[in-house]
Amino acid sequence: MSIGILTSGGDCPGLNAVIRGAVLKGTQIYNKKFVGFRHGWRGVVEGDVIPLERKDIQGISKQGGTILGTSRTNPFEANGGADVVRANMERLGVDSLIAIGGEGTLAAAKRLTDAGIKIVGVPKTVDNDLSATDYTFGFDTAVQIATDAMDRLRTTGDSHGRCMVAEVMGRHVGWIALHSGMAAGAHAILIPEQKTSMDQIAAWVQSVVDRGRAPLVVVAEGFHLDTMDDAHSERGLDAFGRPRLGGIGELLAPEIEARVGIETRATTLGHIQRGGTPTAYDRVLATRYGMAAVDSVIHARWGRMVSLSGTSITHVAFEDALGKLNTVSQSRYDEASILFG
């Protein structure tokens, strides 16, 4: 019997390193066989697999994306369901799954585990929003990409005396905005955990202008003003019923320009934060997660997710990982806000 691996949800730097770590340890230490399900849960529902032998994973840890492909397919929709998944696994000789993904992926994994399917999880999200783990792989790379982009925005902002607004990913948490904003020396960091007024944002920007500097404002895609009930979203829902966020930067820029009187441009960094070569930190963390996931399979830790606690790899129940978001604490925000204005 084989172990199946799937990568589901948004792509993320480090996915290939997880696959490599799992297959290397599984084949060399436990003498296990592996297959990869193509395009996430869609491949599981459709029974679409490729072999994963050592020759198939050579040198892939440094590659971005995922050699298996991914999608946001919900396995309980589109003619899916636990019975379909179980039948495909039996037909293909797969007795367990390693599901690599974020909140939506692991929520589906929990439902399937509750139905008796053997699954272990690996936390993947650039947003770092999964609770019960200190860090998810992909986050460090996204922060580095965002920081590099903001360094470039600052030079063009300085040249023209403009206010630059950089919108970053993060969904309903502000970790990417907080880390990249602090690293790039942003003059204001706007995150979902802290509702902020336009008056306060304008005051920060005005303070920077008064000092003869070109302001840089970093905003997380899930941020909302104190006058807004929900995060800005104009693109409907994804397959798991979650809003597709984005566009808050373009909403803020003209307001800042009108209030402060300085030319203001917004840039949405978008999917460049998800692509390209993973950082060394993400490669190492992802490799450790992949190896630990195989250990979990061997020890039958079904319905559990590998996790980082400090510098140690441990494992937690799916329900603990999915119970709440990993949000930016008040103390971390207060620490950063000293740098504003």
Protein backbone atom coordinates (compact mmCIF):
# COMPACT_ATOMS: atom_id res chain seq x y z
CA MET A 1 0.00 0.00 0.00
CA SER A 2 1.10 3.56 -0.73
CA ILE A 3 0.96 6.88 1.09
CA GLY A 4 -0.76 9.60 -0.91
CA ILE A 5 0.40 13.22 -0.84
CA LEU A 6 -1.64 16.21 -1.96
CA THR A 7 -1.09 19.97 -2.01
CA SER A 8 -4.33 21.94 -1.85
CA GLY A 9 -5.44 25.57 -1.68
CA GLY A 10 -3.24 28.47 -2.69
CA ASP A 11 0.27 27.70 -3.88
CA CYS A 12 3.08 28.48 -1.48
CA PRO A 13 6.91 28.55 -1.52
CA GLY A 14 8.15 25.39 0.19
CA LEU A 15 5.50 22.91 -0.96
CA ASN A 16 8.02 20.95 -2.98
CA ALA A 17 10.38 20.79 0.00
CA VAL A 18 7.61 19.12 2.05
CA ILE A 19 7.06 16.57 -0.70
CA ARG A 20 10.79 15.89 -0.94
CA GLY A 21 11.21 15.54 2.83
CA ALA A 22 8.30 13.13 3.11
CA VAL A 23 9.30 10.93 0.20
CA LEU A 24 12.98 10.80 1.16
CA LYS A 25 12.35 9.78 4.75
CA GLY A 26 9.46 7.50 3.85
CA THR A 27 11.39 5.57 1.23
CA GLN A 28 14.82 5.51 2.90
CA ILE A 29 13.84 4.95 6.54
CA TYR A 30 10.44 3.22 6.38
CA ASN A 31 10.60 1.58 2.93
CA LYS A 32 7.22 3.07 2.01
CA LYS A 33 5.82 3.82 -1.43
CA PHE A 34 4.25 7.15 -2.38
CA VAL A 35 1.91 8.59 -4.97
CA GLY A 36 0.98 12.21 -5.50
CA PHE A 37 -2.59 13.30 -6.11
CA ARG A 38 -2.68 15.98 -8.79
CA HIS A 39 -4.40 19.33 -8.23
CA GLY A 40 -5.23 18.94 -4.56
CA TRP A 41 -8.54 17.44 -3.46
CA ARG A 42 -9.66 17.39 -7.09
CA GLY A 43 -7.13 14.66 -7.77
CA VAL A 44 -8.37 12.69 -4.78
CA VAL A 45 -11.99 12.94 -5.95
CA GLU A 46 -11.05 12.05 -9.53
CA GLY A 47 -8.40 9.45 -8.68
CA ASP A 48 -5.70 11.35 -10.60
CA VAL A 49 -2.27 10.28 -9.34
CA ILE A 50 1.39 10.27 -10.35
CA PRO A 51 4.19 8.13 -8.86
CA LEU A 52 6.53 9.76 -6.34
CA GLU A 53 9.84 7.96 -6.26
CA ARG A 54 13.23 9.34 -5.29
CA LYS A 55 14.03 10.24 -8.87
CA ASP A 56 10.84 12.31 -9.06
CA ILE A 57 11.75 14.58 -6.14
CA GLN A 58 15.43 15.20 -6.81
CA GLY A 59 16.39 18.87 -6.46
CA ILE A 60 12.84 20.15 -6.02
CA SER A 61 13.20 21.75 -2.57
CA LYS A 62 14.51 24.97 -4.11
CA GLN A 63 11.63 25.23 -6.59
CA GLY A 64 8.59 27.38 -5.94
CA GLY A 65 5.06 26.15 -6.54
CA THR A 66 4.23 22.45 -6.38
CA ILE A 67 5.09 19.63 -8.75
CA LEU A 68 1.69 18.10 -7.95
CA GLY A 69 -0.35 21.16 -8.88
CA THR A 70 -3.04 22.56 -6.64
CA SER A 71 -6.62 23.81 -6.65
CA ARG A 72 -9.24 25.13 -4.25
CA THR A 73 -11.53 22.16 -4.85
CA ASN A 74 -13.82 21.21 -1.98
CA PRO A 75 -13.80 17.36 -1.82
CA PHE A 76 -17.38 17.34 -0.56
CA GLU A 77 -18.66 19.08 -3.69
CA ALA A 78 -18.47 18.29 -7.43
CA ASN A 79 -19.57 14.65 -7.07
CA GLY A 80 -17.15 14.08 -4.20
CA GLY A 81 -17.60 13.02 -0.59
CA ALA A 82 -16.04 10.57 1.84
CA ASP A 83 -17.34 7.49 0.02
CA VAL A 84 -15.85 8.63 -3.28
CA VAL A 85 -12.50 9.43 -1.65
CA ARG A 86 -12.42 6.08 0.14
CA ALA A 87 -13.28 4.15 -3.02
CA ASN A 88 -10.55 5.90 -5.05
CA MET A 89 -7.96 5.26 -2.36
CA GLU A 90 -8.84 1.56 -2.22
CA ARG A 91 -8.75 1.27 -6.01
CA LEU A 92 -5.33 2.96 -6.18
CA GLY A 93 -3.84 1.04 -3.24
CA VAL A 94 -3.49 4.13 -1.06
CA ASP A 95 -4.14 3.56 2.62
CA SER A 96 -3.40 7.04 4.03
CA LEU A 97 -3.01 10.67 2.99
CA ILE A 98 -0.68 13.53 3.82
CA ALA A 99 -2.69 16.69 3.19
CA ILE A 100 -0.61 19.84 2.82
CA GLY A 101 -2.66 23.00 3.05
CA GLY A 102 -4.18 25.82 5.02
CA GLU A 103 -7.45 26.37 6.82
CA GLY A 104 -9.77 25.18 4.02
CA THR A 105 -7.66 22.14 3.18
CA LEU A 106 -7.32 21.02 6.79
CA ALA A 107 -11.02 21.63 7.53
CA ALA A 108 -11.85 19.24 4.68
CA ALA A 109 -9.22 16.81 6.00
CA LYS A 110 -10.89 16.84 9.41
CA ARG A 111 -14.30 16.01 7.90
CA LEU A 112 -12.79 13.12 5.97
CA THR A 113 -10.92 11.90 9.04
CA ASP A 114 -14.16 11.97 11.01
CA ALA A 115 -15.56 9.70 8.28
CA GLY A 116 -12.80 7.16 8.94
CA ILE A 117 -10.19 8.11 6.32
CA LYS A 118 -6.58 8.08 7.53
CA ILE A 119 -5.12 11.58 7.11
CA VAL A 120 -2.33 13.65 8.67
CA GLY A 121 -1.90 17.34 7.93
CA VAL A 122 0.91 19.75 7.19
CA PRO A 123 0.25 23.48 7.81
CA LYS A 124 0.77 25.59 4.71
CA THR A 125 -0.09 29.25 4.31
CA VAL A 126 1.81 32.40 3.49
CA ASP A 127 -0.58 34.20 5.86
CA ASN A 128 0.69 32.44 9.03
CA ASP A 129 -2.91 32.40 10.25
CA LEU A 130 -3.20 28.81 11.49
CA SER A 131 -3.35 28.47 15.25
CA ALA A 132 -1.51 25.70 17.13
CA THR A 133 1.72 26.28 15.20
CA ASP A 134 4.23 29.07 15.71
CA TYR A 135 4.99 29.40 11.99
CA THR A 136 3.80 28.02 8.71
CA PHE A 137 6.23 27.54 5.85
CA GLY A 138 5.80 30.07 3.04
CA PHE A 139 5.35 32.97 5.44
CA ASP A 140 9.04 33.85 5.61
CA THR A 141 9.32 33.91 1.81
CA ALA A 142 6.20 36.08 1.44
CA VAL A 143 7.58 38.56 3.98
CA GLN A 144 10.92 38.71 2.18
CA ILE A 145 9.28 39.29 -1.20
CA ALA A 146 7.03 42.00 0.25
CA THR A 147 9.97 43.68 1.97
CA ASP A 148 12.00 43.73 -1.25
CA ALA A 149 9.04 45.27 -3.10
CA MET A 150 8.59 47.94 -0.44
CA ASP A 151 12.27 48.85 -0.58
CA ARG A 152 11.73 49.57 -4.26
CA LEU A 153 8.52 51.49 -3.62
CA ARG A 154 10.36 53.69 -1.16
CA THR A 155 12.96 54.71 -3.71
CA THR A 156 10.39 55.76 -6.29
CA GLY A 157 8.31 57.44 -3.59
CA ASP A 158 11.34 59.41 -2.42
CA SER A 159 12.17 60.44 -5.99
CA HIS A 160 8.72 61.91 -6.64
CA GLY A 161 7.75 62.96 -3.13
CA ARG A 162 4.76 60.62 -3.21
CA CYS A 163 2.94 58.59 -0.60
CA MET A 164 3.12 54.92 -1.52
CA VAL A 165 0.47 52.45 -0.31
CA ALA A 166 1.51 48.79 -0.47
CA GLU A 167 -1.24 46.18 -0.11
CA VAL A 168 -0.08 42.74 0.99
CA MET A 169 -1.74 39.37 1.52
CA GLY A 170 -2.76 37.92 4.86
CA ARG A 171 -6.52 37.33 4.68
CA HIS A 172 -7.92 38.12 8.12
CA VAL A 173 -4.62 38.46 9.96
CA GLY A 174 -1.82 41.01 9.69
CA TRP A 175 1.38 39.02 10.05
CA ILE A 176 2.76 39.68 6.56
CA ALA A 177 1.95 43.38 6.85
CA LEU A 178 3.47 43.63 10.32
CA HIS A 179 6.74 41.85 9.54
CA SER A 180 7.34 43.32 6.09
CA GLY A 181 6.24 46.78 7.21
CA MET A 182 8.64 46.79 10.13
CA ALA A 183 11.46 45.44 7.96
CA ALA A 184 10.89 48.07 5.25
CA GLY A 185 10.52 50.96 7.68
CA ALA A 186 6.87 51.70 6.91
CA HIS A 187 5.34 54.80 8.45
CA ALA A 188 1.98 53.12 9.06
CA ILE A 189 0.95 49.46 9.18
CA LEU A 190 -2.76 48.71 8.85
CA ILE A 191 -3.90 45.24 9.88
CA PRO A 192 -7.27 43.48 10.34
CA GLU A 193 -6.77 43.15 14.09
CA GLN A 194 -6.72 46.95 14.53
CA LYS A 195 -9.59 49.01 13.15
CA THR A 196 -8.20 52.47 12.34
CA SER A 197 -9.79 55.74 11.29
CA MET A 198 -8.93 57.75 8.18
CA ASP A 199 -8.14 60.67 10.49
CA GLN A 200 -5.45 58.62 12.22
CA ILE A 201 -4.00 57.34 8.93
CA ALA A 202 -3.92 60.89 7.54
CA ALA A 203 -2.23 62.12 10.72
CA TRP A 204 0.54 59.54 10.38
CA VAL A 205 1.05 60.44 6.72
CA GLN A 206 1.01 64.17 7.48
CA SER A 207 3.66 63.71 10.17
CA VAL A 208 5.95 62.05 7.64
CA VAL A 209 5.36 64.80 5.07
CA ASP A 210 6.09 67.47 7.68
CA ARG A 211 9.49 65.86 8.24
CA GLY A 212 10.23 66.08 4.52
CA ARG A 213 9.91 62.36 3.88
CA ALA A 214 7.86 60.33 1.40
CA PRO A 215 5.39 58.18 3.38
CA LEU A 216 5.06 54.41 2.99
CA VAL A 217 1.78 52.88 4.18
CA VAL A 218 1.45 49.09 4.37
CA VAL A 219 -2.05 47.63 4.45
CA ALA A 220 -3.12 44.01 4.83
CA GLU A 221 -5.81 42.91 2.38
CA GLY A 222 -8.17 42.10 5.27
CA PHE A 223 -7.89 45.53 6.95
CA HIS A 224 -11.02 47.56 7.41
CA LEU A 225 -11.50 51.14 8.54
CA ASP A 226 -13.43 51.87 11.71
CA THR A 227 -16.36 52.84 9.49
CA MET A 228 -16.48 49.43 7.77
CA ASP A 229 -18.27 46.33 9.01
CA ASP A 230 -16.34 43.86 6.86
CA ALA A 231 -13.10 43.63 4.94
CA HIS A 232 -13.14 45.01 1.39
CA SER A 233 -14.10 42.28 -1.06
CA GLU A 234 -15.49 42.61 -4.57
CA ARG A 235 -14.70 39.19 -6.01
CA GLY A 236 -17.22 36.89 -4.37
CA LEU A 237 -16.44 33.67 -2.49
CA ASP A 238 -13.98 30.82 -3.00
CA ALA A 239 -14.87 27.10 -3.08
CA PHE A 240 -14.89 26.95 0.72
CA GLY A 241 -17.25 29.92 1.04
CA ARG A 242 -14.62 32.43 2.12
CA PRO A 243 -14.52 35.98 0.67
CA ARG A 244 -11.84 36.77 -1.89
CA LEU A 245 -10.20 39.81 -0.37
CA GLY A 246 -8.33 42.64 -2.08
CA GLY A 247 -8.54 46.24 -3.22
CA ILE A 248 -8.34 48.08 0.10
CA GLY A 249 -5.13 49.83 -0.99
CA GLU A 250 -6.86 51.39 -3.99
CA LEU A 251 -9.66 52.50 -1.67
CA LEU A 252 -7.30 54.21 0.78
CA ALA A 253 -4.98 55.97 -1.69
CA PRO A 254 -7.41 58.65 -2.98
CA GLU A 255 -8.62 59.30 0.58
CA ILE A 256 -5.06 59.92 1.76
CA GLU A 257 -4.37 62.19 -1.21
CA ALA A 258 -7.55 64.20 -0.58
CA ARG A 259 -6.84 64.68 3.12
CA VAL A 260 -3.09 65.31 3.07
CA GLY A 261 -2.69 66.85 -0.36
CA ILE A 262 0.19 64.62 -1.42
CA GLU A 263 0.14 62.48 -4.57
CA THR A 264 -0.60 58.93 -3.46
CA ARG A 265 -0.21 55.71 -5.40
CA ALA A 266 -1.35 52.21 -4.42
CA THR A 267 0.38 48.98 -5.37
CA THR A 268 -1.14 45.56 -4.74
CA LEU A 269 1.66 43.03 -4.45
CA GLY A 270 -0.73 40.12 -4.93
CA HIS A 271 0.45 36.74 -6.10
CA ILE A 272 4.14 37.61 -6.43
CA GLN A 273 4.21 36.99 -2.68
CA ARG A 274 3.31 33.34 -3.30
CA GLY A 275 5.72 32.58 -6.11
CA GLY A 276 9.37 31.98 -6.75
CA THR A 277 12.20 30.44 -4.79
CA PRO A 278 11.54 29.76 -1.10
CA THR A 279 13.91 31.23 1.47
CA ALA A 280 16.39 28.99 3.26
CA TYR A 281 14.24 29.14 6.41
CA ASP A 282 11.14 27.94 4.55
CA ARG A 283 13.07 25.15 2.82
CA VAL A 284 14.33 23.82 6.14
CA LEU A 285 10.99 24.15 7.94
CA ALA A 286 9.09 22.55 5.06
CA THR A 287 11.55 19.65 4.89
CA ARG A 288 11.20 19.05 8.63
CA TYR A 289 7.41 19.14 8.31
CA GLY A 290 7.49 16.57 5.51
CA MET A 291 9.68 14.21 7.51
CA ALA A 292 7.51 14.64 10.62
CA ALA A 293 4.35 13.96 8.60
CA VAL A 294 5.71 10.56 7.58
CA ASP A 295 6.47 9.81 11.24
CA SER A 296 2.84 10.66 12.02
CA VAL A 297 1.65 8.20 9.37
CA ILE A 298 3.88 5.46 10.75
CA HIS A 299 2.61 6.09 14.29
CA ALA A 300 -1.04 6.33 13.11
CA ARG A 301 -1.59 9.88 14.34
CA TRP A 302 -4.70 10.32 12.20
CA GLY A 303 -6.55 13.59 12.36
CA ARG A 304 -3.48 15.45 13.52
CA MET A 305 -1.31 18.19 12.04
CA VAL A 306 2.45 18.53 12.42
CA SER A 307 3.31 21.78 14.15
CA LEU A 308 6.22 24.03 15.09
CA SER A 309 6.54 24.84 18.80
CA GLY A 310 9.57 27.01 19.39
CA THR A 311 12.16 25.14 17.35
CA SER A 312 10.67 21.68 17.87
CA ILE A 313 8.30 19.81 15.59
CA THR A 314 5.27 18.41 17.39
CA HIS A 315 1.70 17.53 16.37
CA VAL A 316 -1.77 18.77 17.29
CA ALA A 317 -5.34 17.70 16.61
CA PHE A 318 -7.06 19.20 13.57
CA GLU A 319 -9.75 20.76 15.77
CA ASP A 320 -7.09 22.61 17.79
CA ALA A 321 -5.48 23.91 14.62
CA LEU A 322 -8.80 25.07 13.18
CA GLY A 323 -10.48 26.43 16.28
CA LYS A 324 -9.32 30.02 15.86
CA LEU A 325 -7.05 32.21 13.76
CA ASN A 326 -3.49 33.00 14.75
CA THR A 327 -3.88 36.76 15.05
CA VAL A 328 -1.42 39.57 15.74
CA SER A 329 -1.43 40.29 19.47
CA GLN A 330 -1.93 43.76 20.89
CA SER A 331 1.61 43.78 22.27
CA ARG A 332 3.13 43.04 18.86
CA TYR A 333 1.10 45.81 17.26
CA ASP A 334 1.99 48.28 20.02
CA GLU A 335 5.64 47.42 19.49
CA ALA A 336 5.38 48.24 15.78
CA SER A 337 3.28 51.38 16.24
CA ILE A 338 6.18 53.14 17.94
CA LEU A 339 7.63 53.40 14.41
CA PHE A 340 4.54 55.04 12.84
CA GLY A 341 4.36 58.63 11.62
